């Protein structure tokens, strides 16, 4: 089957129906890595089977873990109590979370591994992770441009550190904690603002003791080295970052009512839902329950008359991946939506600030770009553009949602990258009534 060079979204009739989002991407990476670090068997249910997570599955297999798919979303990881010396380089594809967490985990063992990725991942900075690992005693050798992949990590004999983050980053925190599992002493990470806490929660599920202490608006996480992990059962709820796309379509396409079942409602991941409500969104949550150590629920979005808001900068850590789709809903809102303090968007799979600004402008939306954010002035959305995505899945999906309510069709290039985080996205959206089709 030939992969289409473009996808085009056209103004759709009212969307309706119930669906499920793919498994949470952050938890999927962590379940595979911790399962490989543990002794015994880890049974994972609900794993996201996107390209990024599959790259992490191959990586932990290269480090000596047994990895087996036992059914749709069901995977078994058989850990050997640590990482073994790999026979070849560790190719992480486009997985930024995967490579940074794997670098941290590998640094704790007496192995030497070369980490690499695709052209997009090679552009993403790695020094913020590399610096703390070197401070702990790991050796990192840049094999090309400094601060960029490929990099060789040689680990073992680490010493604990006290690290204070300059920005809230779950990836950096997690890399340090995973290295700290095999470091001498107690490793601590202090954050000025709270970032997602899936690593802390999952470490406990695997049998580790993790301390968390509130410090002002942030917290201090501590982990004693030398602890051993034991395989366990992990259930992964729906990814709120993926659920955001059909829910956003429900908000902006007239007459729509869309429900996404089983969405993770961890309060450190629901900043977008809070922002939408402030904009006047008809967003309701039902069937709240606890599963896999996380609160989950069924989220329903109905077409709403939205108003622009100023998004608090402190909320960025809880929704950094959702700003592209927030910008799309802001395009249909009355007034300005101000998004600042989100400079981290510039070092994701792409410079997401510049790409969203360019895409929205091409579709006739009034948007102002700033160094650390952007401002969208909402109203009518003409559409009628082909948007360059720079091979970024969230840029592509966001603009396809835009096209469902714009006056004229919106196309995106390089749509194959959507599979990195949301396999089956087009089929899911079509099932709700969205008019999205392949084009050339």
Protein backbone atom coordinates (compact mmCIF):
# COMPACT_ATOMS: atom_id res chain seq x y z
CA UNK A 1 0.00 0.00 0.00
CA UNK A 2 1.42 3.38 -1.03
CA UNK A 3 1.59 6.01 1.69
CA UNK A 4 -0.25 9.18 0.57
CA UNK A 5 1.91 12.27 0.16
CA UNK A 6 -0.83 14.49 1.60
CA UNK A 7 -3.99 14.29 3.66
CA UNK A 8 -6.81 16.78 3.15
CA UNK A 9 -9.53 17.69 5.66
CA UNK A 10 -12.74 19.29 4.45
CA UNK A 11 -15.53 21.09 6.26
CA UNK A 12 -17.56 18.33 7.87
CA UNK A 13 -21.08 17.77 9.03
CA UNK A 14 -21.66 17.34 12.76
CA UNK A 15 -19.34 14.74 14.28
CA UNK A 16 -20.74 12.21 16.71
CA UNK A 17 -19.89 8.98 18.43
CA UNK A 18 -17.79 7.32 21.11
CA UNK A 19 -14.21 6.22 20.62
CA UNK A 20 -11.03 5.41 22.54
CA UNK A 21 -7.70 7.19 22.35
CA UNK A 22 -4.50 5.17 21.92
CA UNK A 23 -2.60 4.22 25.08
CA UNK A 24 -0.67 7.00 26.77
CA UNK A 25 2.66 7.53 25.06
CA UNK A 26 4.59 8.67 28.14
CA UNK A 27 3.47 5.67 30.18
CA UNK A 28 4.13 3.27 27.29
CA UNK A 29 7.81 4.27 27.05
CA UNK A 30 8.24 4.00 30.81
CA UNK A 31 6.53 0.61 31.10
CA UNK A 32 8.89 -0.91 28.54
CA UNK A 33 12.03 0.61 30.05
CA UNK A 34 11.21 -0.22 33.68
CA UNK A 35 10.12 -3.70 32.65
CA UNK A 36 13.52 -4.20 31.04
CA UNK A 37 15.34 -2.89 34.13
CA UNK A 38 13.32 -5.15 36.46
CA UNK A 39 13.72 -8.80 37.36
CA UNK A 40 10.93 -11.05 36.12
CA UNK A 41 7.94 -10.58 33.88
CA UNK A 42 6.00 -7.38 33.20
CA UNK A 43 2.62 -7.69 31.50
CA UNK A 44 1.55 -4.48 29.75
CA UNK A 45 -2.04 -3.87 28.64
CA UNK A 46 -2.92 -0.88 26.48
CA UNK A 47 0.56 -0.13 25.11
CA UNK A 48 0.61 2.51 22.40
CA UNK A 49 1.75 0.69 19.27
CA UNK A 50 3.03 3.79 17.50
CA UNK A 51 6.41 4.09 15.83
CA UNK A 52 8.05 5.93 18.74
CA UNK A 53 7.09 3.32 21.33
CA UNK A 54 7.98 0.43 19.02
CA UNK A 55 11.46 1.96 18.70
CA UNK A 56 11.75 1.84 22.50
CA UNK A 57 10.59 -1.79 22.48
CA UNK A 58 13.37 -2.66 20.04
CA UNK A 59 15.85 -0.71 22.15
CA UNK A 60 15.14 -2.56 25.40
CA UNK A 61 15.32 -5.81 23.49
CA UNK A 62 18.77 -4.79 22.30
CA UNK A 63 19.72 -4.24 25.96
CA UNK A 64 18.85 -7.88 26.72
CA UNK A 65 15.18 -7.90 27.70
CA UNK A 66 12.71 -10.36 26.26
CA UNK A 67 9.98 -8.48 24.42
CA UNK A 68 6.88 -10.19 23.04
CA UNK A 69 3.59 -8.90 21.64
CA UNK A 70 0.83 -11.16 22.95
CA UNK A 71 -2.16 -9.36 21.43
CA UNK A 72 -3.41 -5.90 20.39
CA UNK A 73 -1.88 -3.49 22.92
CA UNK A 74 -0.68 -6.42 25.05
CA UNK A 75 3.05 -6.89 25.52
CA UNK A 76 5.23 -9.01 27.78
CA UNK A 77 8.66 -7.80 28.86
CA UNK A 78 10.99 -10.26 30.59
CA UNK A 79 13.69 -8.35 32.43
CA UNK A 80 17.06 -9.68 33.52
CA UNK A 81 17.47 -7.26 36.41
CA UNK A 82 19.43 -4.75 34.34
CA UNK A 83 20.73 -3.78 30.92
CA UNK A 84 23.25 -5.91 29.04
CA UNK A 85 25.86 -4.75 26.54
CA UNK A 86 24.07 -4.26 23.19
CA UNK A 87 25.50 -5.72 19.99
CA UNK A 88 24.57 -2.73 17.84
CA UNK A 89 23.64 0.94 18.08
CA UNK A 90 20.33 1.91 19.68
CA UNK A 91 18.14 3.49 16.99
CA UNK A 92 15.38 5.49 18.69
CA UNK A 93 13.75 6.69 15.47
CA UNK A 94 11.85 9.89 16.27
CA UNK A 95 11.32 9.13 19.98
CA UNK A 96 12.62 12.03 22.05
CA UNK A 97 11.18 10.65 25.28
CA UNK A 98 12.49 7.19 24.48
CA UNK A 99 16.08 8.23 23.82
CA UNK A 100 16.40 10.52 26.84
CA UNK A 101 14.98 7.97 29.27
CA UNK A 102 17.03 5.17 27.76
CA UNK A 103 20.22 7.24 28.06
CA UNK A 104 19.50 7.73 31.76
CA UNK A 105 18.72 4.06 32.35
CA UNK A 106 21.78 2.84 30.42
CA UNK A 107 24.09 5.22 32.31
CA UNK A 108 23.52 3.22 35.48
CA UNK A 109 24.96 0.00 34.07
CA UNK A 110 28.51 -0.99 33.02
CA UNK A 111 27.62 -0.87 29.33
CA UNK A 112 28.61 1.31 26.41
CA UNK A 113 25.93 2.12 23.85
CA UNK A 114 25.62 4.43 20.86
CA UNK A 115 22.24 6.19 20.63
CA UNK A 116 20.99 7.58 17.34
CA UNK A 117 17.73 8.54 15.67
CA UNK A 118 16.17 9.86 12.49
CA UNK A 119 16.95 13.23 10.93
CA UNK A 120 14.37 14.98 13.11
CA UNK A 121 15.62 13.47 16.38
CA UNK A 122 19.21 14.35 15.43
CA UNK A 123 18.19 18.02 15.54
CA UNK A 124 16.90 17.90 19.11
CA UNK A 125 19.17 19.03 21.99
CA UNK A 126 20.48 16.38 24.38
CA UNK A 127 22.86 18.32 26.63
CA UNK A 128 20.23 19.03 29.31
CA UNK A 129 20.08 15.27 29.87
CA UNK A 130 23.77 14.66 29.21
CA UNK A 131 24.98 17.24 31.75
CA UNK A 132 23.48 15.60 34.86
CA UNK A 133 24.51 12.12 33.67
CA UNK A 134 28.12 13.25 33.28
CA UNK A 135 27.95 14.85 36.73
CA UNK A 136 26.90 11.46 38.09
CA UNK A 137 29.94 9.82 36.51
CA UNK A 138 28.79 8.61 33.10
CA UNK A 139 30.90 9.29 30.03
CA UNK A 140 29.24 10.77 26.95
CA UNK A 141 31.05 11.11 23.64
CA UNK A 142 29.38 13.12 20.90
CA UNK A 143 30.00 11.32 17.61
CA UNK A 144 28.92 14.22 15.44
CA UNK A 145 27.74 17.69 16.43
CA UNK A 146 27.99 18.41 20.16
CA UNK A 147 24.62 18.30 21.96
CA UNK A 148 23.11 16.23 19.15
CA UNK A 149 22.79 12.56 18.33
CA UNK A 150 24.56 10.26 17.73
CA UNK A 151 26.13 9.98 21.18
CA UNK A 152 27.93 7.15 22.96
CA UNK A 153 26.98 6.63 26.59
CA UNK A 154 29.34 4.63 28.81
CA UNK A 155 27.91 3.98 32.26
CA UNK A 156 28.35 2.30 35.61
CA UNK A 157 29.80 3.31 38.99
CA UNK A 158 27.58 6.39 39.29
CA UNK A 159 27.32 8.72 42.27
CA UNK A 160 24.06 10.35 43.35
CA UNK A 161 23.55 14.08 42.75
CA UNK A 162 21.24 16.85 43.92
CA UNK A 163 19.92 18.44 40.75
CA UNK A 164 17.76 21.56 40.46
CA UNK A 165 15.99 21.98 37.14
CA UNK A 166 15.84 25.37 35.47
CA UNK A 167 12.59 24.38 33.73
CA UNK A 168 10.03 21.70 34.52
CA UNK A 169 10.91 18.69 32.35
CA UNK A 170 9.68 15.18 33.02
CA UNK A 171 12.16 13.77 30.51
CA UNK A 172 15.22 15.20 32.26
CA UNK A 173 13.87 14.35 35.72
CA UNK A 174 13.13 10.80 34.62
CA UNK A 175 16.54 10.26 33.03
CA UNK A 176 18.22 11.34 36.28
CA UNK A 177 15.98 9.13 38.42
CA UNK A 178 16.52 6.09 36.22
CA UNK A 179 20.28 6.60 36.43
CA UNK A 180 19.91 7.17 40.17
CA UNK A 181 18.47 3.69 40.64
CA UNK A 182 22.00 2.37 40.19
CA UNK A 183 23.95 5.26 41.74
CA UNK A 184 25.66 5.33 45.12
CA UNK A 185 23.61 7.49 47.52
CA UNK A 186 20.31 9.36 47.29
CA UNK A 187 19.59 11.19 44.04
CA UNK A 188 17.28 14.20 44.24
CA UNK A 189 15.66 16.34 41.57
CA UNK A 190 14.05 19.68 42.47
CA UNK A 191 11.60 21.27 40.03
CA UNK A 192 10.40 24.89 40.11
CA UNK A 193 7.06 23.74 38.66
CA UNK A 194 5.60 20.27 38.69
CA UNK A 195 6.08 18.17 35.58
CA UNK A 196 4.24 14.93 34.84
CA UNK A 197 4.89 12.30 37.51
CA UNK A 198 4.46 9.03 35.61
CA UNK A 199 8.02 7.91 36.38
CA UNK A 200 7.55 8.37 40.13
CA UNK A 201 4.23 6.52 40.08
CA UNK A 202 5.51 3.68 37.93
CA UNK A 203 8.73 3.23 39.91
CA UNK A 204 6.56 2.60 42.96
CA UNK A 205 4.51 0.05 41.01
CA UNK A 206 7.75 -1.80 40.25
CA UNK A 207 8.66 -1.83 43.96
CA UNK A 208 10.92 1.21 44.41
CA UNK A 209 10.62 3.75 47.21
CA UNK A 210 10.36 7.30 45.86
CA UNK A 211 10.09 10.39 48.04
CA UNK A 212 8.12 13.43 46.91
CA UNK A 213 8.11 16.68 48.87
CA UNK A 214 6.24 19.83 47.92
CA UNK A 215 8.51 22.87 47.59
CA UNK A 216 6.65 26.09 46.75
CA UNK A 217 4.93 25.65 43.38
CA UNK A 218 7.13 22.67 42.57
CA UNK A 219 8.49 19.62 44.33
CA UNK A 220 11.58 17.67 45.26
CA UNK A 221 11.83 14.02 44.26
CA UNK A 222 14.32 11.67 45.93
CA UNK A 223 15.40 8.13 45.15
CA UNK A 224 17.86 5.90 47.00
CA UNK A 225 20.29 4.03 44.77
CA UNK A 226 20.67 0.27 44.86
CA UNK A 227 16.95 -0.51 44.78
CA UNK A 228 15.85 -3.44 42.67
CA UNK A 229 12.74 -3.46 40.51
CA UNK A 230 10.37 -6.41 40.18
CA UNK A 231 8.22 -7.10 37.13
CA UNK A 232 4.56 -6.25 37.51
CA UNK A 233 1.30 -5.74 35.61
CA UNK A 234 0.86 -2.31 33.99
CA UNK A 235 -2.42 -1.01 32.56
CA UNK A 236 -2.04 2.04 30.35
CA UNK A 237 -5.03 4.43 30.01
CA UNK A 238 -5.86 6.56 26.98
CA UNK A 239 -3.44 9.36 26.13
CA UNK A 240 -4.95 12.81 26.87
CA UNK A 241 -2.62 14.34 24.27
CA UNK A 242 -4.14 12.09 21.59
CA UNK A 243 -7.69 12.41 22.90
CA UNK A 244 -7.31 16.16 22.40
CA UNK A 245 -7.67 15.88 18.61
CA UNK A 246 -11.13 14.28 18.33
CA UNK A 247 -12.29 16.36 21.31
CA UNK A 248 -11.09 19.57 19.64
CA UNK A 249 -12.96 18.59 16.50
CA UNK A 250 -16.07 18.15 18.63
CA UNK A 251 -15.67 21.68 19.96
CA UNK A 252 -15.20 23.44 16.61
CA UNK A 253 -17.41 21.52 14.15
CA UNK A 254 -20.99 22.82 14.49
CA UNK A 255 -23.52 20.41 15.95
CA UNK A 256 -20.94 17.90 17.14
CA UNK A 257 -20.82 15.72 20.25
CA UNK A 258 -17.77 13.47 20.64
CA UNK A 259 -16.87 11.20 23.56
CA UNK A 260 -13.44 9.68 24.14
CA UNK A 261 -13.51 6.86 26.66
CA UNK A 262 -10.86 5.86 29.20
CA UNK A 263 -8.79 9.06 29.10
CA UNK A 264 -6.09 9.56 31.74
CA UNK A 265 -7.02 12.44 34.05
CA UNK A 266 -3.75 12.84 35.93
CA UNK A 267 -3.93 16.52 37.08
CA UNK A 268 -0.44 17.12 35.69
CA UNK A 269 -1.72 16.24 32.20
CA UNK A 270 -5.09 18.02 32.00
CA UNK A 271 -4.06 21.65 31.54
CA UNK A 272 -5.67 21.71 28.09
CA UNK A 273 -9.05 20.62 29.45
CA UNK A 274 -8.85 23.34 32.10
CA UNK A 275 -7.98 25.94 29.48
CA UNK A 276 -10.81 24.86 27.19
CA UNK A 277 -13.28 25.23 30.03
CA UNK A 278 -12.00 28.75 30.68
CA UNK A 279 -12.69 29.44 26.97
CA UNK A 280 -16.30 28.34 27.46
CA UNK A 281 -16.05 24.77 26.15
CA UNK A 282 -18.89 22.35 26.85
CA UNK A 283 -16.59 19.64 28.18
CA UNK A 284 -17.90 17.02 30.58
CA UNK A 285 -16.30 14.02 32.29
CA UNK A 286 -18.22 10.92 33.30
CA UNK A 287 -17.47 7.43 34.61
CA UNK A 288 -14.51 8.58 36.68
CA UNK A 289 -12.53 5.67 38.06
CA UNK A 290 -9.04 4.58 39.03
CA UNK A 291 -7.14 2.17 36.80
CA UNK A 292 -3.43 1.41 36.58
CA UNK A 293 -2.77 3.82 39.43
CA UNK A 294 -4.21 6.75 37.46
CA UNK A 295 -7.59 8.47 37.48
CA UNK A 296 -9.40 7.94 34.18
CA UNK A 297 -12.74 8.99 32.77
CA UNK A 298 -14.84 9.41 29.63
CA UNK A 299 -14.56 12.92 28.20
CA UNK A 300 -17.32 14.45 26.04
CA UNK A 301 -16.85 17.60 23.94
CA UNK A 302 -19.82 19.38 22.34
CA UNK A 303 -19.67 22.20 19.84
CA UNK A 304 -19.14 25.43 21.76
CA UNK A 305 -18.90 29.17 21.28
CA UNK A 306 -15.36 29.78 22.52
CA UNK A 307 -13.73 32.97 23.78
CA UNK A 308 -10.04 33.83 23.82
CA UNK A 309 -8.11 33.64 27.10
CA UNK A 310 -4.66 34.32 28.50
CA UNK A 311 -3.19 30.90 29.30
CA UNK A 312 -1.24 30.99 32.59
CA UNK A 313 2.45 30.39 31.89
CA UNK A 314 2.64 28.06 34.91
CA UNK A 315 0.25 25.70 33.10
CA UNK A 316 2.71 25.00 30.28
CA UNK A 317 4.28 21.93 31.89
CA UNK A 318 0.90 20.20 32.09
CA UNK A 319 0.04 20.75 28.42
CA UNK A 320 3.23 21.51 26.47
CA UNK A 321 2.33 19.00 23.73
CA UNK A 322 -1.23 20.33 23.45
CA UNK A 323 -0.48 23.93 22.46
CA UNK A 324 -0.72 23.17 18.72
CA UNK A 325 -4.29 21.86 19.04
CA UNK A 326 -5.13 24.64 21.52
CA UNK A 327 -4.02 27.13 18.87
CA UNK A 328 -6.45 25.51 16.43
CA UNK A 329 -9.40 25.86 18.80
CA UNK A 330 -8.26 29.43 19.52
CA UNK A 331 -8.54 30.17 15.79
CA UNK A 332 -12.31 29.61 16.06
CA UNK A 333 -12.71 31.55 19.33
CA UNK A 334 -13.89 35.12 19.72
CA UNK A 335 -10.97 37.39 20.67
CA UNK A 336 -7.32 36.73 21.38
CA UNK A 337 -5.79 33.66 23.00
CA UNK A 338 -2.38 34.45 24.48
CA UNK A 339 0.10 31.57 24.85
CA UNK A 340 3.42 32.58 26.42
CA UNK A 341 6.18 30.87 28.37
CA UNK A 342 6.20 27.97 25.93
CA UNK A 343 9.68 28.31 24.41
CA UNK A 344 10.10 24.56 24.96
CA UNK A 345 7.90 24.11 21.88
CA UNK A 346 10.80 25.23 19.72
CA UNK A 347 12.88 22.13 20.59
CA UNK A 348 10.24 19.44 20.13
CA UNK A 349 10.07 17.29 16.96
CA UNK A 350 10.12 20.65 15.20
CA UNK A 351 9.95 24.33 16.06
CA UNK A 352 6.27 24.04 16.82
CA UNK A 353 5.78 27.74 17.46
CA UNK A 354 7.04 28.76 14.02
CA UNK A 355 5.23 25.93 12.25
CA UNK A 356 1.89 26.64 13.92
CA UNK A 357 2.23 30.34 13.17
CA UNK A 358 3.06 29.62 9.52
CA UNK A 359 0.27 27.08 9.13
CA UNK A 360 -2.39 29.23 10.74
CA UNK A 361 -1.37 32.28 8.71
CA UNK A 362 -1.52 30.24 5.50
CA UNK A 363 -5.10 29.37 6.46
CA UNK A 364 -5.98 33.04 6.96
CA UNK A 365 -5.75 33.19 10.75
CA UNK A 366 -4.37 36.33 12.44
CA UNK A 367 -1.48 35.14 14.62
CA UNK A 368 1.55 36.90 16.10
CA UNK A 369 4.78 35.02 16.80
CA UNK A 370 6.89 35.82 19.87
CA UNK A 371 10.19 34.42 21.12
CA UNK A 372 8.55 32.36 23.87
CA UNK A 373 5.04 31.96 22.51
CA UNK A 374 2.34 33.25 20.17
CA UNK A 375 -1.01 35.03 20.15
CA UNK A 376 -3.96 33.84 18.06
CA UNK A 377 -6.79 36.23 17.15
CA UNK A 378 -9.81 34.05 16.48
CA UNK A 379 -12.78 34.42 14.18
CA UNK A 380 -13.60 33.06 10.74
CA UNK A 381 -11.03 30.58 9.38
CA UNK A 382 -10.76 30.70 5.56
CA UNK A 383 -8.50 27.62 5.22
CA UNK A 384 -7.55 26.71 1.66
CA UNK A 385 -3.86 25.98 2.28
CA UNK A 386 -1.39 23.11 2.14
CA UNK A 387 0.53 23.16 5.42
CA UNK A 388 4.17 22.15 5.73
CA UNK A 389 4.52 19.93 8.81
CA UNK A 390 8.30 19.35 8.92
CA UNK A 391 7.44 15.70 9.61
CA UNK A 392 5.81 16.61 12.95
CA UNK A 393 2.78 14.48 13.85
CA UNK A 394 1.11 17.05 16.12
CA UNK A 395 1.41 19.81 13.53
CA UNK A 396 -0.22 17.52 10.97
CA UNK A 397 -3.11 16.37 13.17
CA UNK A 398 -3.79 19.89 14.46
CA UNK A 399 -4.18 21.36 10.99
CA UNK A 400 -6.37 18.46 9.86
CA UNK A 401 -8.73 19.31 12.73
CA UNK A 402 -8.62 22.93 11.57
CA UNK A 403 -9.70 21.84 8.10
CA UNK A 404 -12.81 20.11 9.45
CA UNK A 405 -14.34 23.47 10.38
CA UNK A 406 -12.55 25.89 8.02
CA UNK A 407 -14.35 27.42 5.04
CA UNK A 408 -12.06 25.69 2.52
CA UNK A 409 -10.09 22.41 2.70
CA UNK A 410 -6.76 22.21 4.52
CA UNK A 411 -4.07 19.75 3.43
CA UNK A 412 -0.92 18.59 5.25
CA UNK A 413 2.22 17.03 3.84
CA UNK A 414 4.19 14.03 5.18
CA UNK A 415 1.18 12.44 6.93
CA UNK A 416 2.97 9.14 7.54
CA UNK A 417 4.55 10.69 10.65
CA UNK A 418 1.16 10.67 12.41
CA UNK A 419 1.76 6.98 13.14
CA UNK A 420 4.55 7.89 15.60
CA UNK A 421 1.97 8.77 18.25
CA UNK A 422 -1.51 8.04 16.89
CA UNK A 423 -1.76 4.96 14.66
CA UNK A 424 -5.23 4.78 13.17
CA UNK A 425 -5.89 8.52 13.57
CA UNK A 426 -7.55 8.97 10.17
CA UNK A 427 -9.76 5.90 10.59
CA UNK A 428 -10.81 7.01 14.08
CA UNK A 429 -11.71 10.50 12.88
CA UNK A 430 -13.61 9.16 9.88
CA UNK A 431 -15.55 6.91 12.24
CA UNK A 432 -16.84 10.06 13.96
CA UNK A 433 -17.87 11.55 10.60
CA UNK A 434 -14.77 13.59 9.72
CA UNK A 435 -14.08 14.22 6.04
CA UNK A 436 -10.34 13.40 5.81
CA UNK A 437 -8.96 11.80 2.66
CA UNK A 438 -5.64 10.99 1.04
CA UNK A 439 -4.48 13.34 -1.68
CA UNK A 440 -1.41 13.97 -3.83
